[in-house]
PDB file of all heavy atoms in Angstrom:
ATOM      1  N   PRO A   1      -6.247  18.959   3.518  1.00  0.00           N
ATOM      2  CA  PRO A   1      -6.444  19.520   4.870  1.00  0.00           C
ATOM      3  C   PRO A   1      -6.637  18.444   5.953  1.00  0.00           C
ATOM      4  O   PRO A   1      -6.374  18.736   7.119  1.00  0.00           O
ATOM      5  CB  PRO A   1      -7.718  20.365   4.702  1.00  0.00           C
ATOM      6  CG  PRO A   1      -7.846  20.601   3.228  1.00  0.00           C
ATOM      7  CD  PRO A   1      -7.265  19.393   2.564  1.00  0.00           C
ATOM      8  N   ASP A   2      -7.058  17.264   5.561  1.00  0.00           N
ATOM      9  CA  ASP A   2      -7.307  16.194   6.539  1.00  0.00           C
ATOM     10  C   ASP A   2      -6.044  15.441   6.967  1.00  0.00           C
ATOM     11  O   ASP A   2      -6.106  14.539   7.808  1.00  0.00           O
ATOM     12  CB  ASP A   2      -8.321  15.187   5.984  1.00  0.00           C
ATOM     13  CG  ASP A   2      -9.678  15.855   5.709  1.00  0.00           C
ATOM     14  OD1 ASP A   2      -9.979  16.861   6.369  1.00  0.00           O
ATOM     15  OD2 ASP A   2     -10.380  15.342   4.834  1.00  0.00           O
ATOM     16  N   PHE A   3      -4.904  15.783   6.352  1.00  0.00           N
ATOM     17  CA  PHE A   3      -3.682  15.068   6.670  1.00  0.00           C
ATOM     18  C   PHE A   3      -3.187  15.429   8.073  1.00  0.00           C
ATOM     19  O   PHE A   3      -3.154  16.620   8.460  1.00  0.00           O
ATOM     20  CB  PHE A   3      -2.573  15.403   5.645  1.00  0.00           C
ATOM     21  CG  PHE A   3      -1.284  14.671   5.890  1.00  0.00           C
ATOM     22  CD1 PHE A   3      -1.113  13.387   5.452  1.00  0.00           C
ATOM     23  CD2 PHE A   3      -0.254  15.315   6.580  1.00  0.00           C
ATOM     24  CE1 PHE A   3       0.078  12.720   5.669  1.00  0.00           C
ATOM     25  CE2 PHE A   3       0.952  14.645   6.803  1.00  0.00           C
ATOM     26  CZ  PHE A   3       1.095  13.341   6.353  1.00  0.00           C
ATOM     27  N   SER A   4      -2.783  14.426   8.815  1.00  0.00           N
ATOM     28  CA  SER A   4      -2.254  14.625  10.192  1.00  0.00           C
ATOM     29  C   SER A   4      -1.186  13.587  10.437  1.00  0.00           C
ATOM     30  O   SER A   4      -1.359  12.398  10.102  1.00  0.00           O
ATOM     31  CB  SER A   4      -3.383  14.530  11.224  1.00  0.00           C
ATOM     32  OG  SER A   4      -2.869  14.604  12.527  1.00  0.00           O
ATOM     33  N   THR A   5      -0.115  14.003  11.058  1.00  0.00           N
ATOM     34  CA  THR A   5       0.960  13.099  11.386  1.00  0.00           C
ATOM     35  C   THR A   5       0.586  12.113  12.509  1.00  0.00           C
ATOM     36  O   THR A   5       1.297  11.136  12.759  1.00  0.00           O
ATOM     37  CB  THR A   5       2.235  13.877  11.800  1.00  0.00           C
ATOM     38  OG1 THR A   5       1.897  14.777  12.870  1.00  0.00           O
ATOM     39  CG2 THR A   5       2.746  14.670  10.608  1.00  0.00           C
ATOM     40  N   LYS A   6      -0.533  12.383  13.203  1.00  0.00           N
ATOM     41  CA  LYS A   6      -0.977  11.505  14.294  1.00  0.00           C
ATOM     42  C   LYS A   6      -1.821  10.350  13.772  1.00  0.00           C
ATOM     43  O   LYS A   6      -1.730   9.226  14.254  1.00  0.00           O
ATOM     44  CB  LYS A   6      -1.746  12.319  15.334  1.00  0.00           C
ATOM     45  CG  LYS A   6      -0.909  13.372  15.997  1.00  0.00           C
ATOM     46  CD  LYS A   6      -1.751  14.137  17.054  1.00  0.00           C
ATOM     47  CE  LYS A   6      -0.892  15.190  17.788  1.00  0.00           C
ATOM     48  NZ  LYS A   6      -1.715  15.957  18.761  1.00  0.00           N
ATOM     49  N   THR A   7      -2.658  10.626  12.758  1.00  0.00           N
ATOM     50  CA  THR A   7      -3.560   9.587  12.220  1.00  0.00           C
ATOM     51  C   THR A   7      -3.003   8.863  11.012  1.00  0.00           C
ATOM     52  O   THR A   7      -3.423   7.771  10.662  1.00  0.00           O
ATOM     53  CB  THR A   7      -4.912  10.190  11.881  1.00  0.00           C
ATOM     54  OG1 THR A   7      -4.724  11.236  10.894  1.00  0.00           O
ATOM     55  CG2 THR A   7      -5.579  10.784  13.124  1.00  0.00           C
ATOM     56  N   PHE A   8      -2.017   9.496  10.312  1.00  0.00           N
ATOM     57  CA  PHE A   8      -1.502   8.900   9.115  1.00  0.00           C
ATOM     58  C   PHE A   8      -0.745   7.604   9.335  1.00  0.00           C
ATOM     59  O   PHE A   8      -0.850   6.682   8.506  1.00  0.00           O
ATOM     60  CB  PHE A   8      -0.603   9.921   8.368  1.00  0.00           C
ATOM     61  CG  PHE A   8      -0.061   9.375   7.099  1.00  0.00           C
ATOM     62  CD1 PHE A   8      -0.848   9.293   5.929  1.00  0.00           C
ATOM     63  CD2 PHE A   8       1.265   8.922   7.012  1.00  0.00           C
ATOM     64  CE1 PHE A   8      -0.324   8.784   4.757  1.00  0.00           C
ATOM     65  CE2 PHE A   8       1.791   8.425   5.825  1.00  0.00           C
ATOM     66  CZ  PHE A   8       0.966   8.349   4.699  1.00  0.00           C
ATOM     67  N   PRO A   9       0.047   7.435  10.421  1.00  0.00           N
ATOM     68  CA  PRO A   9       0.780   6.167  10.564  1.00  0.00           C
ATOM     69  C   PRO A   9      -0.124   4.920  10.606  1.00  0.00           C
ATOM     70  O   PRO A   9       0.254   3.869  10.057  1.00  0.00           O
ATOM     71  CB  PRO A   9       1.496   6.350  11.909  1.00  0.00           C
ATOM     72  CG  PRO A   9       1.701   7.815  12.023  1.00  0.00           C
ATOM     73  CD  PRO A   9       0.485   8.418  11.434  1.00  0.00           C
ATOM     74  N   GLU A  10      -1.303   5.023  11.202  1.00  0.00           N
ATOM     75  CA  GLU A  10      -2.183   3.862  11.194  1.00  0.00           C
ATOM     76  C   GLU A  10      -2.687   3.570   9.790  1.00  0.00           C
ATOM     77  O   GLU A  10      -2.771   2.388   9.388  1.00  0.00           O
ATOM     78  CB  GLU A  10      -3.349   4.116  12.143  1.00  0.00           C
ATOM     79  CG  GLU A  10      -2.964   4.332  13.613  1.00  0.00           C
ATOM     80  CD  GLU A  10      -4.168   4.622  14.467  1.00  0.00           C
ATOM     81  OE1 GLU A  10      -5.266   4.690  13.933  1.00  0.00           O
ATOM     82  OE2 GLU A  10      -3.954   4.766  15.703  1.00  0.00           O
ATOM     83  N   LYS A  11      -3.012   4.607   9.052  1.00  0.00           N
ATOM     84  CA  LYS A  11      -3.460   4.412   7.666  1.00  0.00           C
ATOM     85  C   LYS A  11      -2.300   3.835   6.810  1.00  0.00           C
ATOM     86  O   LYS A  11      -2.527   2.940   5.980  1.00  0.00           O
ATOM     87  CB  LYS A  11      -3.926   5.745   7.082  1.00  0.00           C
ATOM     88  CG  LYS A  11      -4.373   5.675   5.653  1.00  0.00           C
ATOM     89  CD  LYS A  11      -4.841   7.028   5.143  1.00  0.00           C
ATOM     90  CE  LYS A  11      -5.280   6.946   3.681  1.00  0.00           C
ATOM     91  NZ  LYS A  11      -5.668   8.299   3.160  1.00  0.00           N
ATOM     92  N   ALA A  12      -1.101   4.323   7.054  1.00  0.00           N
ATOM     93  CA  ALA A  12       0.051   3.788   6.292  1.00  0.00           C
ATOM     94  C   ALA A  12       0.299   2.347   6.618  1.00  0.00           C
ATOM     95  O   ALA A  12       0.662   1.533   5.748  1.00  0.00           O
ATOM     96  CB  ALA A  12       1.280   4.653   6.631  1.00  0.00           C
ATOM     97  N   GLN A  13       0.108   1.950   7.867  1.00  0.00           N
ATOM     98  CA  GLN A  13       0.293   0.542   8.206  1.00  0.00           C
ATOM     99  C   GLN A  13      -0.761  -0.360   7.551  1.00  0.00           C
ATOM    100  O   GLN A  13      -0.451  -1.477   7.112  1.00  0.00           O
ATOM    101  CB  GLN A  13       0.235   0.350   9.735  1.00  0.00           C
ATOM    102  CG  GLN A  13       0.719  -0.975  10.213  1.00  0.00           C
ATOM    103  CD  GLN A  13       0.778  -1.040  11.732  1.00  0.00           C
ATOM    104  OE1 GLN A  13      -0.141  -0.529  12.429  1.00  0.00           O
ATOM    105  NE2 GLN A  13       1.769  -1.702  12.275  1.00  0.00           N
ATOM    106  N   GLU A  14      -1.962   0.117   7.404  1.00  0.00           N
ATOM    107  CA  GLU A  14      -2.989  -0.658   6.707  1.00  0.00           C
ATOM    108  C   GLU A  14      -2.621  -0.800   5.214  1.00  0.00           C
ATOM    109  O   GLU A  14      -2.805  -1.911   4.650  1.00  0.00           O
ATOM    110  CB  GLU A  14      -4.353   0.060   6.823  1.00  0.00           C
ATOM    111  CG  GLU A  14      -4.885   0.076   8.265  1.00  0.00           C
ATOM    112  CD  GLU A  14      -6.226   0.850   8.350  1.00  0.00           C
ATOM    113  OE1 GLU A  14      -6.663   1.344   7.281  1.00  0.00           O
ATOM    114  OE2 GLU A  14      -6.763   0.924   9.474  1.00  0.00           O
ATOM    115  N   ILE A  15      -2.130   0.242   4.601  1.00  0.00           N
ATOM    116  CA  ILE A  15      -1.692   0.173   3.209  1.00  0.00           C
ATOM    117  C   ILE A  15      -0.555  -0.859   3.061  1.00  0.00           C
ATOM    118  O   ILE A  15      -0.495  -1.646   2.134  1.00  0.00           O
ATOM    119  CB  ILE A  15      -1.305   1.539   2.661  1.00  0.00           C
ATOM    120  CG1 ILE A  15      -2.500   2.499   2.697  1.00  0.00           C
ATOM    121  CG2 ILE A  15      -0.700   1.437   1.272  1.00  0.00           C
ATOM    122  CD1 ILE A  15      -2.139   3.921   2.372  1.00  0.00           C
ATOM    123  N   PHE A  16       0.366  -0.793   4.026  1.00  0.00           N
ATOM    124  CA  PHE A  16       1.514  -1.716   4.022  1.00  0.00           C
ATOM    125  C   PHE A  16       1.062  -3.166   4.108  1.00  0.00           C
ATOM    126  O   PHE A  16       1.557  -4.054   3.359  1.00  0.00           O
ATOM    127  CB  PHE A  16       2.449  -1.351   5.190  1.00  0.00           C
ATOM    128  CG  PHE A  16       3.608  -2.283   5.384  1.00  0.00           C
ATOM    129  CD1 PHE A  16       4.747  -2.082   4.619  1.00  0.00           C
ATOM    130  CD2 PHE A  16       3.577  -3.295   6.278  1.00  0.00           C
ATOM    131  CE1 PHE A  16       5.867  -2.933   4.791  1.00  0.00           C
ATOM    132  CE2 PHE A  16       4.652  -4.110   6.473  1.00  0.00           C
ATOM    133  CZ  PHE A  16       5.789  -3.939   5.727  1.00  0.00           C
ATOM    134  N   ILE A  17       0.119  -3.452   4.980  1.00  0.00           N
ATOM    135  CA  ILE A  17      -0.355  -4.857   5.190  1.00  0.00           C
ATOM    136  C   ILE A  17      -1.131  -5.302   3.938  1.00  0.00           C
ATOM    137  O   ILE A  17      -0.912  -6.427   3.427  1.00  0.00           O
ATOM    138  CB  ILE A  17      -1.202  -4.935   6.434  1.00  0.00           C
ATOM    139  CG1 ILE A  17      -0.368  -4.642   7.688  1.00  0.00           C
ATOM    140  CG2 ILE A  17      -1.844  -6.325   6.541  1.00  0.00           C
ATOM    141  CD1 ILE A  17      -1.147  -4.550   8.963  1.00  0.00           C
ATOM    142  N   GLU A  18      -2.013  -4.445   3.382  1.00  0.00           N
ATOM    143  CA  GLU A  18      -2.806  -4.831   2.224  1.00  0.00           C
ATOM    144  C   GLU A  18      -1.937  -5.062   0.984  1.00  0.00           C
ATOM    145  O   GLU A  18      -2.174  -5.969   0.178  1.00  0.00           O
ATOM    146  CB  GLU A  18      -3.843  -3.758   1.918  1.00  0.00           C
ATOM    147  CG  GLU A  18      -4.972  -3.734   2.949  1.00  0.00           C
ATOM    148  CD  GLU A  18      -6.002  -2.664   2.609  1.00  0.00           C
ATOM    149  OE1 GLU A  18      -5.881  -2.091   1.491  1.00  0.00           O
ATOM    150  OE2 GLU A  18      -6.886  -2.453   3.403  1.00  0.00           O
ATOM    151  N   ALA A  19      -0.881  -4.253   0.873  1.00  0.00           N
ATOM    152  CA  ALA A  19       0.033  -4.405  -0.285  1.00  0.00           C
ATOM    153  C   ALA A  19       0.776  -5.708  -0.235  1.00  0.00           C
ATOM    154  O   ALA A  19       0.912  -6.426  -1.245  1.00  0.00           O
ATOM    155  CB  ALA A  19       1.003  -3.226  -0.314  1.00  0.00           C
ATOM    156  N   HIS A  20       1.259  -6.113   0.953  1.00  0.00           N
ATOM    157  CA  HIS A  20       1.993  -7.388   1.050  1.00  0.00           C
ATOM    158  C   HIS A  20       1.070  -8.582   0.952  1.00  0.00           C
ATOM    159  O   HIS A  20       1.449  -9.618   0.412  1.00  0.00           O
ATOM    160  CB  HIS A  20       2.776  -7.405   2.359  1.00  0.00           C
ATOM    161  CG  HIS A  20       4.012  -6.554   2.335  1.00  0.00           C
ATOM    162  ND1 HIS A  20       3.997  -5.194   2.462  1.00  0.00           N
ATOM    163  CD2 HIS A  20       5.331  -6.884   2.167  1.00  0.00           C
ATOM    164  CE1 HIS A  20       5.202  -4.710   2.402  1.00  0.00           C
ATOM    165  NE2 HIS A  20       6.068  -5.730   2.210  1.00  0.00           N
ATOM    166  N   ASN A  21      -0.167  -8.427   1.409  1.00  0.00           N
ATOM    167  CA  ASN A  21      -1.119  -9.540   1.213  1.00  0.00           C
ATOM    168  C   ASN A  21      -1.502  -9.695  -0.257  1.00  0.00           C
ATOM    169  O   ASN A  21      -1.599 -10.815  -0.757  1.00  0.00           O
ATOM    170  CB  ASN A  21      -2.397  -9.260   2.024  1.00  0.00           C
ATOM    171  CG  ASN A  21      -2.189  -9.499   3.505  1.00  0.00           C
ATOM    172  OD1 ASN A  21      -1.349 -10.316   3.933  1.00  0.00           O
ATOM    173  ND2 ASN A  21      -2.923  -8.780   4.348  1.00  0.00           N
ATOM    174  N   SER A  22      -1.630  -8.590  -0.986  1.00  0.00           N
ATOM    175  CA  SER A  22      -1.880  -8.656  -2.429  1.00  0.00           C
ATOM    176  C   SER A  22      -0.713  -9.266  -3.170  1.00  0.00           C
ATOM    177  O   SER A  22      -0.890 -10.021  -4.135  1.00  0.00           O
ATOM    178  CB  SER A  22      -2.202  -7.271  -2.985  1.00  0.00           C
ATOM    179  OG  SER A  22      -3.291  -6.705  -2.338  1.00  0.00           O
ATOM    180  N   LEU A  23       0.497  -8.991  -2.691  1.00  0.00           N
ATOM    181  CA  LEU A  23       1.690  -9.559  -3.330  1.00  0.00           C
ATOM    182  C   LEU A  23       1.729 -11.068  -3.101  1.00  0.00           C
ATOM    183  O   LEU A  23       2.077 -11.838  -4.011  1.00  0.00           O
ATOM    184  CB  LEU A  23       2.951  -8.911  -2.775  1.00  0.00           C
ATOM    185  CG  LEU A  23       4.284  -9.479  -3.286  1.00  0.00           C
ATOM    186  CD1 LEU A  23       4.455  -9.245  -4.771  1.00  0.00           C
ATOM    187  CD2 LEU A  23       5.471  -8.831  -2.515  1.00  0.00           C
ATOM    188  N   ALA A  24       1.413 -11.529  -1.893  1.00  0.00           N
ATOM    189  CA  ALA A  24       1.430 -12.972  -1.588  1.00  0.00           C
ATOM    190  C   ALA A  24       0.328 -13.696  -2.353  1.00  0.00           C
ATOM    191  O   ALA A  24       0.529 -14.842  -2.722  1.00  0.00           O
ATOM    192  CB  ALA A  24       1.284 -13.170  -0.089  1.00  0.00           C
ATOM    193  N   ASN A  25      -0.822 -13.017  -2.613  1.00  0.00           N
ATOM    194  CA  ASN A  25      -1.918 -13.654  -3.319  1.00  0.00           C
ATOM    195  C   ASN A  25      -1.852 -13.386  -4.824  1.00  0.00           C
ATOM    196  O   ASN A  25      -2.787 -13.803  -5.554  1.00  0.00           O
ATOM    197  CB  ASN A  25      -3.251 -13.147  -2.757  1.00  0.00           C
ATOM    198  CG  ASN A  25      -3.422 -13.510  -1.324  1.00  0.00           C
ATOM    199  OD1 ASN A  25      -2.957 -14.548  -0.825  1.00  0.00           O
ATOM    200  ND2 ASN A  25      -4.123 -12.628  -0.580  1.00  0.00           N
ATOM    201  N   PHE A  26      -0.855 -12.687  -5.303  1.00  0.00           N
ATOM    202  CA  PHE A  26      -0.652 -12.369  -6.721  1.00  0.00           C
ATOM    203  C   PHE A  26      -1.869 -11.608  -7.295  1.00  0.00           C
ATOM    204  O   PHE A  26      -2.313 -11.856  -8.398  1.00  0.00           O
ATOM    205  CB  PHE A  26      -0.375 -13.641  -7.533  1.00  0.00           C
ATOM    206  CG  PHE A  26       0.913 -14.306  -7.171  1.00  0.00           C
ATOM    207  CD1 PHE A  26       0.941 -15.387  -6.334  1.00  0.00           C
ATOM    208  CD2 PHE A  26       2.119 -13.830  -7.677  1.00  0.00           C
ATOM    209  CE1 PHE A  26       2.119 -15.976  -5.989  1.00  0.00           C
ATOM    210  CE2 PHE A  26       3.323 -14.449  -7.363  1.00  0.00           C
ATOM    211  CZ  PHE A  26       3.330 -15.516  -6.505  1.00  0.00           C
ATOM    212  N   ASN A  27      -2.374 -10.671  -6.486  1.00  0.00           N
ATOM    213  CA  ASN A  27      -3.492  -9.828  -6.941  1.00  0.00           C
ATOM    214  C   ASN A  27      -2.860  -8.523  -7.514  1.00  0.00           C
ATOM    215  O   ASN A  27      -2.629  -7.545  -6.794  1.00  0.00           O
ATOM    216  CB  ASN A  27      -4.429  -9.487  -5.776  1.00  0.00           C
ATOM    217  CG  ASN A  27      -5.711  -8.814  -6.207  1.00  0.00           C
ATOM    218  OD1 ASN A  27      -5.836  -8.435  -7.362  1.00  0.00           O
ATOM    219  ND2 ASN A  27      -6.666  -8.751  -5.339  1.00  0.00           N
ATOM    220  N   LYS A  28      -2.617  -8.531  -8.833  1.00  0.00           N
ATOM    221  CA  LYS A  28      -1.885  -7.434  -9.436  1.00  0.00           C
ATOM    222  C   LYS A  28      -2.722  -6.177  -9.518  1.00  0.00           C
ATOM    223  O   LYS A  28      -2.199  -5.066  -9.367  1.00  0.00           O
ATOM    224  CB  LYS A  28      -1.453  -7.836 -10.859  1.00  0.00           C
ATOM    225  CG  LYS A  28      -0.446  -8.996 -10.886  1.00  0.00           C
ATOM    226  CD  LYS A  28      -0.026  -9.270 -12.320  1.00  0.00           C
ATOM    227  CE  LYS A  28       0.995 -10.417 -12.336  1.00  0.00           C
ATOM    228  NZ  LYS A  28       1.402 -10.729 -13.737  1.00  0.00           N
ATOM    229  N   GLN A  29      -4.023  -6.294  -9.762  1.00  0.00           N
ATOM    230  CA  GLN A  29      -4.839  -5.100  -9.885  1.00  0.00           C
ATOM    231  C   GLN A  29      -4.927  -4.306  -8.574  1.00  0.00           C
ATOM    232  O   GLN A  29      -4.793  -3.118  -8.562  1.00  0.00           O
ATOM    233  CB  GLN A  29      -6.247  -5.506 -10.335  1.00  0.00           C
ATOM    234  CG  GLN A  29      -6.308  -6.081 -11.738  1.00  0.00           C
ATOM    235  CD  GLN A  29      -7.720  -6.471 -12.173  1.00  0.00           C
ATOM    236  OE1 GLN A  29      -8.645  -6.389 -11.355  1.00  0.00           O
ATOM    237  NE2 GLN A  29      -7.881  -6.843 -13.409  1.00  0.00           N
ATOM    238  N   LYS A  30      -5.095  -5.030  -7.486  1.00  0.00           N
ATOM    239  CA  LYS A  30      -5.154  -4.350  -6.177  1.00  0.00           C
ATOM    240  C   LYS A  30      -3.766  -3.814  -5.781  1.00  0.00           C
ATOM    241  O   LYS A  30      -3.660  -2.759  -5.143  1.00  0.00           O
ATOM    242  CB  LYS A  30      -5.660  -5.295  -5.114  1.00  0.00           C
ATOM    243  CG  LYS A  30      -5.967  -4.652  -3.786  1.00  0.00           C
ATOM    244  CD  LYS A  30      -6.642  -5.609  -2.813  1.00  0.00           C
ATOM    245  CE  LYS A  30      -6.949  -4.877  -1.495  1.00  0.00           C
ATOM    246  NZ  LYS A  30      -7.607  -5.821  -0.530  1.00  0.00           N
ATOM    247  N   LEU A  31      -2.723  -4.544  -6.171  1.00  0.00           N
ATOM    248  CA  LEU A  31      -1.368  -4.114  -5.827  1.00  0.00           C
ATOM    249  C   LEU A  31      -1.034  -2.794  -6.549  1.00  0.00           C
ATOM    250  O   LEU A  31      -0.362  -1.947  -5.986  1.00  0.00           O
ATOM    251  CB  LEU A  31      -0.364  -5.230  -6.187  1.00  0.00           C
ATOM    252  CG  LEU A  31       1.086  -4.980  -5.774  1.00  0.00           C
ATOM    253  CD1 LEU A  31       1.207  -4.834  -4.266  1.00  0.00           C
ATOM    254  CD2 LEU A  31       1.981  -6.082  -6.276  1.00  0.00           C
ATOM    255  N   HIS A  32      -1.531  -2.627  -7.775  1.00  0.00           N
ATOM    256  CA  HIS A  32      -1.255  -1.395  -8.513  1.00  0.00           C
ATOM    257  C   HIS A  32      -1.942  -0.213  -7.824  1.00  0.00           C
ATOM    258  O   HIS A  32      -1.428   0.925  -7.912  1.00  0.00           O
ATOM    259  CB  HIS A  32      -1.783  -1.524  -9.934  1.00  0.00           C
ATOM    260  CG  HIS A  32      -0.789  -2.042 -10.903  1.00  0.00           C
ATOM    261  ND1 HIS A  32       0.354  -1.373 -11.223  1.00  0.00           N
ATOM    262  CD2 HIS A  32      -0.732  -3.233 -11.579  1.00  0.00           C
ATOM    263  CE1 HIS A  32       1.076  -2.081 -12.092  1.00  0.00           C
ATOM    264  NE2 HIS A  32       0.426  -3.211 -12.326  1.00  0.00           N
ATOM    265  N   SER A  33      -3.034  -0.419  -7.148  1.00  0.00           N
ATOM    266  CA  SER A  33      -3.721   0.691  -6.482  1.00  0.00           C
ATOM    267  C   SER A  33      -3.083   1.002  -5.115  1.00  0.00           C
ATOM    268  O   SER A  33      -3.419   2.074  -4.540  1.00  0.00           O
ATOM    269  CB  SER A  33      -5.198   0.343  -6.267  1.00  0.00           C
ATOM    270  OG  SER A  33      -5.347  -0.817  -5.444  1.00  0.00           O
ATOM    271  N   LEU A  34      -2.220   0.156  -4.619  1.00  0.00           N
ATOM    272  CA  LEU A  34      -1.606   0.336  -3.313  1.00  0.00           C
ATOM    273  C   LEU A  34      -0.157   0.776  -3.349  1.00  0.00           C
ATOM    274  O   LEU A  34       0.367   1.328  -2.363  1.00  0.00           O
ATOM    275  CB  LEU A  34      -1.738  -0.948  -2.480  1.00  0.00           C
ATOM    276  CG  LEU A  34      -3.160  -1.405  -2.142  1.00  0.00           C
ATOM    277  CD1 LEU A  34      -3.141  -2.790  -1.522  1.00  0.00           C
ATOM    278  CD2 LEU A  34      -3.850  -0.426  -1.218  1.00  0.00           C
ATOM    279  N   VAL A  35       0.512   0.533  -4.449  1.00  0.00           N
ATOM    280  CA  VAL A  35       1.914   0.907  -4.611  1.00  0.00           C
ATOM    281  C   VAL A  35       2.072   1.737  -5.875  1.00  0.00           C
ATOM    282  O   VAL A  35       1.244   1.669  -6.790  1.00  0.00           O
ATOM    283  CB  VAL A  35       2.843  -0.339  -4.666  1.00  0.00           C
ATOM    284  CG1 VAL A  35       2.699  -1.147  -3.415  1.00  0.00           C
ATOM    285  CG2 VAL A  35       2.583  -1.188  -5.881  1.00  0.00           C
ATOM    286  N   THR A  36       3.135   2.501  -5.909  1.00  0.00           N
ATOM    287  CA  THR A  36       3.409   3.360  -7.110  1.00  0.00           C
ATOM    288  C   THR A  36       4.042   2.569  -8.209  1.00  0.00           C
ATOM    289  O   THR A  36       4.477   1.420  -8.025  1.00  0.00           O
ATOM    290  CB  THR A  36       4.305   4.544  -6.691  1.00  0.00           C
ATOM    291  OG1 THR A  36       5.549   4.006  -6.222  1.00  0.00           O
ATOM    292  CG2 THR A  36       3.637   5.384  -5.600  1.00  0.00           C
ATOM    293  N   GLU A  37       4.122   3.206  -9.375  1.00  0.00           N
ATOM    294  CA  GLU A  37       4.743   2.560 -10.517  1.00  0.00           C
ATOM    295  C   GLU A  37       6.256   2.326 -10.313  1.00  0.00           C
ATOM    296  O   GLU A  37       6.844   1.469 -10.996  1.00  0.00           O
ATOM    297  CB  GLU A  37       4.531   3.406 -11.795  1.00  0.00           C
ATOM    298  CG  GLU A  37       3.084   3.343 -12.335  1.00  0.00           C
ATOM    299  CD  GLU A  37       2.123   4.140 -11.487  1.00  0.00           C
ATOM    300  OE1 GLU A  37       2.573   4.910 -10.639  1.00  0.00           O
ATOM    301  OE2 GLU A  37       0.879   3.961 -11.661  1.00  0.00           O
ATOM    302  N   ARG A  38       6.872   3.076  -9.445  1.00  0.00           N
ATOM    303  CA  ARG A  38       8.280   2.820  -9.133  1.00  0.00           C
ATOM    304  C   ARG A  38       8.460   1.642  -8.199  1.00  0.00           C
ATOM    305  O   ARG A  38       9.415   0.864  -8.326  1.00  0.00           O
ATOM    306  CB  ARG A  38       8.894   4.084  -8.470  1.00  0.00           C
ATOM    307  CG  ARG A  38      10.346   3.891  -8.008  1.00  0.00           C
ATOM    308  CD  ARG A  38      10.782   5.032  -7.143  1.00  0.00           C
ATOM    309  NE  ARG A  38      12.122   4.841  -6.636  1.00  0.00           N
ATOM    310  CZ  ARG A  38      12.422   4.192  -5.502  1.00  0.00           C
ATOM    311  NH1 ARG A  38      11.406   3.702  -4.760  1.00  0.00           N
ATOM    312  NH2 ARG A  38      13.656   4.043  -5.119  1.00  0.00           N
ATOM    313  N   CYS A  39       7.545   1.464  -7.268  1.00  0.00           N
ATOM    314  CA  CYS A  39       7.671   0.426  -6.263  1.00  0.00           C
ATOM    315  C   CYS A  39       7.205  -0.940  -6.801  1.00  0.00           C
ATOM    316  O   CYS A  39       7.696  -1.991  -6.338  1.00  0.00           O
ATOM    317  CB  CYS A  39       6.842   0.802  -5.011  1.00  0.00           C
ATOM    318  SG  CYS A  39       6.958  -0.353  -3.673  1.00  0.00           S
ATOM    319  N   TYR A  40       6.297  -0.949  -7.758  1.00  0.00           N
ATOM    320  CA  TYR A  40       5.726  -2.230  -8.221  1.00  0.00           C
ATOM    321  C   TYR A  40       6.768  -3.142  -8.835  1.00  0.00           C
ATOM    322  O   TYR A  40       6.830  -4.350  -8.482  1.00  0.00           O
ATOM    323  CB  TYR A  40       4.629  -1.928  -9.272  1.00  0.00           C
ATOM    324  CG  TYR A  40       3.951  -3.159  -9.806  1.00  0.00           C
ATOM    325  CD1 TYR A  40       2.888  -3.740  -9.086  1.00  0.00           C
ATOM    326  CD2 TYR A  40       4.321  -3.743 -10.978  1.00  0.00           C
ATOM    327  CE1 TYR A  40       2.255  -4.891  -9.587  1.00  0.00           C
ATOM    328  CE2 TYR A  40       3.707  -4.855 -11.496  1.00  0.00           C
ATOM    329  CZ  TYR A  40       2.674  -5.406 -10.802  1.00  0.00           C
ATOM    330  OH  TYR A  40       2.053  -6.550 -11.259  1.00  0.00           O
ATOM    331  N   PRO A  41       7.669  -2.705  -9.715  1.00  0.00           N
ATOM    332  CA  PRO A  41       8.679  -3.660 -10.249  1.00  0.00           C
ATOM    333  C   PRO A  41       9.608  -4.175  -9.183  1.00  0.00           C
ATOM    334  O   PRO A  41      10.033  -5.358  -9.286  1.00  0.00           O
ATOM    335  CB  PRO A  41       9.443  -2.783 -11.267  1.00  0.00           C
ATOM    336  CG  PRO A  41       8.538  -1.664 -11.616  1.00  0.00           C
ATOM    337  CD  PRO A  41       7.783  -1.392 -10.373  1.00  0.00           C
ATOM    338  N   ASP A  42       9.935  -3.397  -8.175  1.00  0.00           N
ATOM    339  CA  ASP A  42      10.808  -3.896  -7.098  1.00  0.00           C
ATOM    340  C   ASP A  42      10.165  -4.979  -6.278  1.00  0.00           C
ATOM    341  O   ASP A  42      10.832  -5.862  -5.752  1.00  0.00           O
ATOM    342  CB  ASP A  42      11.209  -2.741  -6.196  1.00  0.00           C
ATOM    343  CG  ASP A  42      12.029  -1.695  -6.941  1.00  0.00           C
ATOM    344  OD1 ASP A  42      12.611  -2.020  -7.982  1.00  0.00           O
ATOM    345  OD2 ASP A  42      12.082  -0.533  -6.486  1.00  0.00           O
ATOM    346  N   MET A  43       8.792  -4.936  -6.179  1.00  0.00           N
ATOM    347  CA  MET A  43       8.124  -5.933  -5.374  1.00  0.00           C
ATOM    348  C   MET A  43       7.899  -7.266  -6.124  1.00  0.00           C
ATOM    349  O   MET A  43       7.916  -8.320  -5.515  1.00  0.00           O
ATOM    350  CB  MET A  43       6.778  -5.389  -4.867  1.00  0.00           C
ATOM    351  CG  MET A  43       6.912  -4.198  -3.929  1.00  0.00           C
ATOM    352  SD  MET A  43       5.313  -3.673  -3.224  1.00  0.00           S
ATOM    353  CE  MET A  43       4.906  -5.087  -2.190  1.00  0.00           C
TER     354      MET A  43
END
């Protein structure tokens, strides 16, 4: 019920930034919590 197309883009951008920072720092545990099992091998 809390989902909104107005507030979700900012949350999505935060997930996007944290995922790429975890990839650059080779933090696999945090990266698994931010990306799906389909996206992880591609990254």
